[in-house]
Amino acid sequence: WRMDVDGANQTHMVQEEANCWFPHVSPNGRLVTYIAYAKGDVEPGDHPPNKNVELRLIPAEGGASKTIVKLFGGQGTMNVNSWSPDNRTIAFVSYRLKS
């Protein structure tokens, strides 16, 4: 969702069948990264478990999203994606579980 500081003009930005979490706006305000779990993998209000997840990018004004990378992660890893100050690089954490 996107809205004005006072809570007005609420707009649903993402039109997809996924649970979308942890949005991070680029420093110039033009793009937003977020993570998306497949519908049914995570219930709203739960902490994300270790699952396959996608890091996605969408224009801040809304529109079509694109998947940047598909990876494996959960709470404490995926929610720390971060933009570089020049808006050109996104850092994120992923990991593999030992079998």
N, C-alpha and C. Protein backbone atom coordinates (compact mmCIF):
# COMPACT_ATOMS: atom_id res chain seq x y z
N TRP A 1 0.83 -1.18 0.00
CA TRP A 1 0.00 0.00 0.00
C TRP A 1 0.88 1.24 0.00
N ARG A 2 0.35 2.31 -0.57
CA ARG A 2 1.00 3.62 -0.55
C ARG A 2 -0.07 4.61 -0.09
N MET A 3 0.35 5.60 0.72
CA MET A 3 -0.60 6.61 1.18
C MET A 3 0.15 7.88 1.55
N ASP A 4 -0.59 8.97 1.69
CA ASP A 4 -0.03 10.23 2.15
C ASP A 4 0.31 10.11 3.63
N VAL A 5 1.12 11.02 4.12
CA VAL A 5 1.54 11.01 5.52
C VAL A 5 0.35 11.04 6.46
N ASP A 6 -0.71 11.73 6.09
CA ASP A 6 -1.89 11.83 6.95
C ASP A 6 -2.82 10.62 6.84
N GLY A 7 -2.44 9.63 6.02
CA GLY A 7 -3.25 8.42 5.86
C GLY A 7 -4.24 8.49 4.70
N ALA A 8 -4.33 9.63 4.05
CA ALA A 8 -5.26 9.79 2.93
C ALA A 8 -4.67 9.18 1.65
N ASN A 9 -5.50 9.03 0.65
CA ASN A 9 -5.09 8.54 -0.67
C ASN A 9 -4.41 7.18 -0.63
N GLN A 10 -5.01 6.25 0.07
CA GLN A 10 -4.45 4.90 0.15
C GLN A 10 -4.61 4.19 -1.20
N THR A 11 -3.50 3.64 -1.69
CA THR A 11 -3.47 2.97 -2.98
C THR A 11 -2.80 1.61 -2.84
N HIS A 12 -3.47 0.57 -3.32
CA HIS A 12 -2.88 -0.76 -3.33
C HIS A 12 -1.94 -0.84 -4.53
N MET A 13 -0.64 -0.95 -4.28
CA MET A 13 0.36 -0.90 -5.35
C MET A 13 0.52 -2.21 -6.10
N VAL A 14 0.42 -3.32 -5.41
CA VAL A 14 0.75 -4.62 -5.99
C VAL A 14 -0.52 -5.38 -6.33
N GLN A 15 -0.67 -5.75 -7.57
CA GLN A 15 -1.85 -6.50 -8.02
C GLN A 15 -1.41 -7.91 -8.41
N GLU A 16 -1.17 -8.75 -7.44
CA GLU A 16 -0.72 -10.11 -7.73
C GLU A 16 -1.19 -11.06 -6.65
N GLU A 17 -1.16 -12.34 -6.95
CA GLU A 17 -1.56 -13.37 -6.01
C GLU A 17 -0.35 -13.82 -5.20
N ALA A 18 0.07 -13.00 -4.27
CA ALA A 18 1.23 -13.33 -3.43
C ALA A 18 1.09 -12.57 -2.11
N ASN A 19 1.80 -13.04 -1.11
CA ASN A 19 1.91 -12.31 0.15
C ASN A 19 3.16 -11.44 0.05
N CYS A 20 2.98 -10.13 0.04
CA CYS A 20 4.07 -9.19 -0.19
C CYS A 20 4.45 -8.51 1.12
N TRP A 21 5.76 -8.47 1.39
CA TRP A 21 6.26 -8.01 2.68
C TRP A 21 7.45 -7.07 2.50
N PHE A 22 7.75 -6.32 3.55
CA PHE A 22 8.98 -5.55 3.76
C PHE A 22 9.36 -4.66 2.58
N PRO A 23 8.53 -3.67 2.23
CA PRO A 23 8.89 -2.76 1.15
C PRO A 23 10.04 -1.82 1.57
N HIS A 24 10.91 -1.54 0.62
CA HIS A 24 12.02 -0.60 0.83
C HIS A 24 12.07 0.34 -0.37
N VAL A 25 11.88 1.63 -0.12
CA VAL A 25 11.86 2.64 -1.17
C VAL A 25 13.30 3.05 -1.49
N SER A 26 13.60 3.20 -2.79
CA SER A 26 14.93 3.64 -3.20
C SER A 26 15.19 5.06 -2.70
N PRO A 27 16.47 5.44 -2.55
CA PRO A 27 16.78 6.79 -2.05
C PRO A 27 16.17 7.91 -2.89
N ASN A 28 16.04 7.72 -4.20
CA ASN A 28 15.45 8.77 -5.03
C ASN A 28 13.92 8.70 -5.07
N GLY A 29 13.34 7.71 -4.38
CA GLY A 29 11.89 7.60 -4.28
C GLY A 29 11.18 7.03 -5.50
N ARG A 30 11.92 6.55 -6.49
CA ARG A 30 11.30 6.10 -7.73
C ARG A 30 10.93 4.61 -7.76
N LEU A 31 11.64 3.79 -6.99
CA LEU A 31 11.43 2.34 -7.03
C LEU A 31 11.23 1.79 -5.63
N VAL A 32 10.60 0.63 -5.56
CA VAL A 32 10.38 -0.06 -4.28
C VAL A 32 10.76 -1.52 -4.47
N THR A 33 11.56 -2.06 -3.55
CA THR A 33 11.78 -3.50 -3.51
C THR A 33 10.91 -4.08 -2.41
N TYR A 34 10.53 -5.33 -2.58
CA TYR A 34 9.76 -6.04 -1.55
C TYR A 34 9.95 -7.53 -1.78
N ILE A 35 9.56 -8.32 -0.80
CA ILE A 35 9.63 -9.76 -0.98
C ILE A 35 8.22 -10.31 -1.16
N ALA A 36 8.13 -11.40 -1.90
CA ALA A 36 6.83 -12.01 -2.18
C ALA A 36 6.92 -13.52 -1.97
N TYR A 37 6.05 -14.01 -1.10
CA TYR A 37 5.88 -15.44 -0.90
C TYR A 37 4.68 -15.89 -1.71
N ALA A 38 4.71 -17.12 -2.21
CA ALA A 38 3.56 -17.67 -2.94
C ALA A 38 2.33 -17.65 -2.04
N LYS A 39 1.19 -17.37 -2.64
CA LYS A 39 -0.06 -17.34 -1.88
C LYS A 39 -0.25 -18.67 -1.15
N GLY A 40 -0.54 -18.60 0.14
CA GLY A 40 -0.73 -19.79 0.95
C GLY A 40 0.51 -20.25 1.70
N ASP A 41 1.70 -19.75 1.30
CA ASP A 41 2.93 -20.13 2.00
C ASP A 41 3.06 -19.45 3.35
N VAL A 42 2.54 -18.24 3.47
CA VAL A 42 2.64 -17.46 4.70
C VAL A 42 1.30 -16.79 4.95
N GLU A 43 0.79 -16.93 6.14
CA GLU A 43 -0.46 -16.26 6.49
C GLU A 43 -0.18 -14.82 6.91
N PRO A 44 -1.02 -13.87 6.51
CA PRO A 44 -0.83 -12.49 6.96
C PRO A 44 -0.76 -12.44 8.48
N GLY A 45 0.19 -11.69 9.01
CA GLY A 45 0.36 -11.57 10.45
C GLY A 45 1.38 -12.54 11.02
N ASP A 46 1.76 -13.57 10.26
CA ASP A 46 2.78 -14.52 10.72
C ASP A 46 4.17 -13.98 10.41
N HIS A 47 5.16 -14.49 11.13
CA HIS A 47 6.54 -14.21 10.76
C HIS A 47 6.91 -15.14 9.62
N PRO A 48 7.56 -14.61 8.57
CA PRO A 48 7.89 -15.47 7.43
C PRO A 48 8.79 -16.63 7.83
N PRO A 49 8.40 -17.85 7.51
CA PRO A 49 9.24 -19.01 7.78
C PRO A 49 10.29 -19.17 6.67
N ASN A 50 11.16 -20.12 6.84
CA ASN A 50 12.13 -20.43 5.80
C ASN A 50 11.40 -21.05 4.62
N LYS A 51 11.33 -20.30 3.54
CA LYS A 51 10.60 -20.71 2.34
C LYS A 51 11.28 -20.14 1.11
N ASN A 52 10.88 -20.63 -0.04
CA ASN A 52 11.29 -19.99 -1.28
C ASN A 52 10.56 -18.65 -1.36
N VAL A 53 11.28 -17.63 -1.78
CA VAL A 53 10.73 -16.28 -1.79
C VAL A 53 11.35 -15.52 -2.96
N GLU A 54 10.66 -14.49 -3.42
CA GLU A 54 11.18 -13.66 -4.51
C GLU A 54 11.41 -12.25 -4.01
N LEU A 55 12.52 -11.66 -4.41
CA LEU A 55 12.78 -10.25 -4.20
C LEU A 55 12.32 -9.55 -5.47
N ARG A 56 11.39 -8.62 -5.34
CA ARG A 56 10.78 -7.98 -6.51
C ARG A 56 10.98 -6.47 -6.49
N LEU A 57 10.80 -5.87 -7.65
CA LEU A 57 10.98 -4.44 -7.87
C LEU A 57 9.73 -3.90 -8.55
N ILE A 58 9.28 -2.73 -8.10
CA ILE A 58 8.09 -2.10 -8.69
C ILE A 58 8.30 -0.58 -8.70
N PRO A 59 7.78 0.13 -9.71
CA PRO A 59 7.84 1.59 -9.67
C PRO A 59 7.06 2.12 -8.46
N ALA A 60 7.54 3.16 -7.83
CA ALA A 60 6.89 3.71 -6.64
C ALA A 60 5.49 4.23 -6.95
N GLU A 61 5.23 4.59 -8.19
CA GLU A 61 3.90 5.07 -8.58
C GLU A 61 2.95 3.92 -8.89
N GLY A 62 3.44 2.68 -8.78
CA GLY A 62 2.63 1.51 -9.09
C GLY A 62 2.93 1.02 -10.50
N GLY A 63 2.38 -0.12 -10.84
CA GLY A 63 2.61 -0.71 -12.16
C GLY A 63 3.06 -2.14 -12.03
N ALA A 64 3.59 -2.67 -13.11
CA ALA A 64 4.01 -4.07 -13.13
C ALA A 64 5.29 -4.26 -12.32
N SER A 65 5.33 -5.35 -11.57
CA SER A 65 6.54 -5.68 -10.82
C SER A 65 7.37 -6.67 -11.61
N LYS A 66 8.66 -6.75 -11.27
CA LYS A 66 9.50 -7.78 -11.88
C LYS A 66 10.31 -8.44 -10.78
N THR A 67 10.57 -9.72 -10.96
CA THR A 67 11.36 -10.48 -10.00
C THR A 67 12.83 -10.21 -10.25
N ILE A 68 13.53 -9.79 -9.20
CA ILE A 68 14.97 -9.56 -9.28
C ILE A 68 15.72 -10.87 -9.08
N VAL A 69 15.30 -11.61 -8.05
CA VAL A 69 15.97 -12.87 -7.72
C VAL A 69 15.00 -13.77 -6.95
N LYS A 70 15.12 -15.06 -7.17
CA LYS A 70 14.38 -16.05 -6.38
C LYS A 70 15.37 -16.68 -5.42
N LEU A 71 15.03 -16.73 -4.15
CA LEU A 71 15.92 -17.32 -3.16
C LEU A 71 15.19 -17.96 -2.02
N PHE A 72 15.96 -18.43 -1.05
CA PHE A 72 15.42 -19.11 0.12
C PHE A 72 15.71 -18.25 1.33
N GLY A 73 14.70 -17.95 2.14
CA GLY A 73 14.94 -17.12 3.30
C GLY A 73 13.74 -17.08 4.22
N GLY A 74 13.90 -16.35 5.30
CA GLY A 74 12.85 -16.22 6.28
C GLY A 74 13.05 -14.97 7.10
N GLN A 75 12.33 -14.89 8.23
CA GLN A 75 12.42 -13.73 9.11
C GLN A 75 13.87 -13.47 9.50
N GLY A 76 14.29 -12.22 9.41
CA GLY A 76 15.65 -11.86 9.80
C GLY A 76 16.64 -11.91 8.66
N THR A 77 16.24 -12.43 7.52
CA THR A 77 17.14 -12.42 6.37
C THR A 77 16.56 -11.55 5.28
N MET A 78 15.36 -11.87 4.84
CA MET A 78 14.77 -11.18 3.70
C MET A 78 14.34 -9.75 4.00
N ASN A 79 14.01 -9.46 5.24
CA ASN A 79 13.50 -8.12 5.53
C ASN A 79 14.61 -7.09 5.66
N VAL A 80 15.84 -7.46 5.38
CA VAL A 80 16.94 -6.50 5.50
C VAL A 80 17.45 -6.04 4.14
N ASN A 81 16.70 -6.29 3.05
CA ASN A 81 17.20 -5.80 1.76
C ASN A 81 17.34 -4.28 1.83
N SER A 82 18.34 -3.75 1.14
CA SER A 82 18.69 -2.34 1.31
C SER A 82 19.25 -1.78 0.00
N TRP A 83 18.97 -0.52 -0.25
CA TRP A 83 19.45 0.18 -1.43
C TRP A 83 20.79 0.84 -1.18
N SER A 84 21.62 0.93 -2.22
CA SER A 84 22.83 1.74 -2.15
C SER A 84 22.42 3.21 -2.29
N PRO A 85 23.24 4.14 -1.80
CA PRO A 85 22.88 5.56 -1.87
C PRO A 85 22.67 6.08 -3.30
N ASP A 86 23.31 5.44 -4.30
CA ASP A 86 23.17 5.91 -5.69
C ASP A 86 22.01 5.23 -6.44
N ASN A 87 21.19 4.45 -5.74
CA ASN A 87 20.01 3.79 -6.32
C ASN A 87 20.33 2.68 -7.32
N ARG A 88 21.58 2.29 -7.46
CA ARG A 88 21.96 1.33 -8.50
C ARG A 88 22.10 -0.10 -8.02
N THR A 89 22.24 -0.30 -6.71
CA THR A 89 22.51 -1.64 -6.18
C THR A 89 21.58 -1.95 -5.02
N ILE A 90 21.14 -3.20 -4.96
CA ILE A 90 20.31 -3.67 -3.84
C ILE A 90 21.07 -4.80 -3.15
N ALA A 91 21.24 -4.67 -1.85
CA ALA A 91 21.89 -5.72 -1.07
C ALA A 91 20.82 -6.53 -0.36
N PHE A 92 21.05 -7.84 -0.25
CA PHE A 92 20.11 -8.70 0.47
C PHE A 92 20.87 -9.88 1.04
N VAL A 93 20.24 -10.59 1.95
CA VAL A 93 20.84 -11.74 2.61
C VAL A 93 20.02 -12.98 2.24
N SER A 94 20.70 -14.04 1.90
CA SER A 94 20.05 -15.34 1.74
C SER A 94 20.95 -16.38 2.38
N TYR A 95 20.45 -17.56 2.55
CA TYR A 95 21.25 -18.61 3.18
C TYR A 95 20.72 -19.97 2.79
N ARG A 96 21.51 -20.98 3.06
CA ARG A 96 21.09 -22.37 2.84
C ARG A 96 21.09 -23.08 4.18
N LEU A 97 20.09 -23.88 4.40
CA LEU A 97 20.05 -24.68 5.62
C LEU A 97 20.92 -25.91 5.44
N LYS A 98 21.60 -26.29 6.50
CA LYS A 98 22.39 -27.52 6.45
C LYS A 98 21.44 -28.71 6.43
N SER A 99 21.78 -29.71 5.65
CA SER A 99 20.90 -30.88 5.58
C SER A 99 21.34 -31.97 6.53
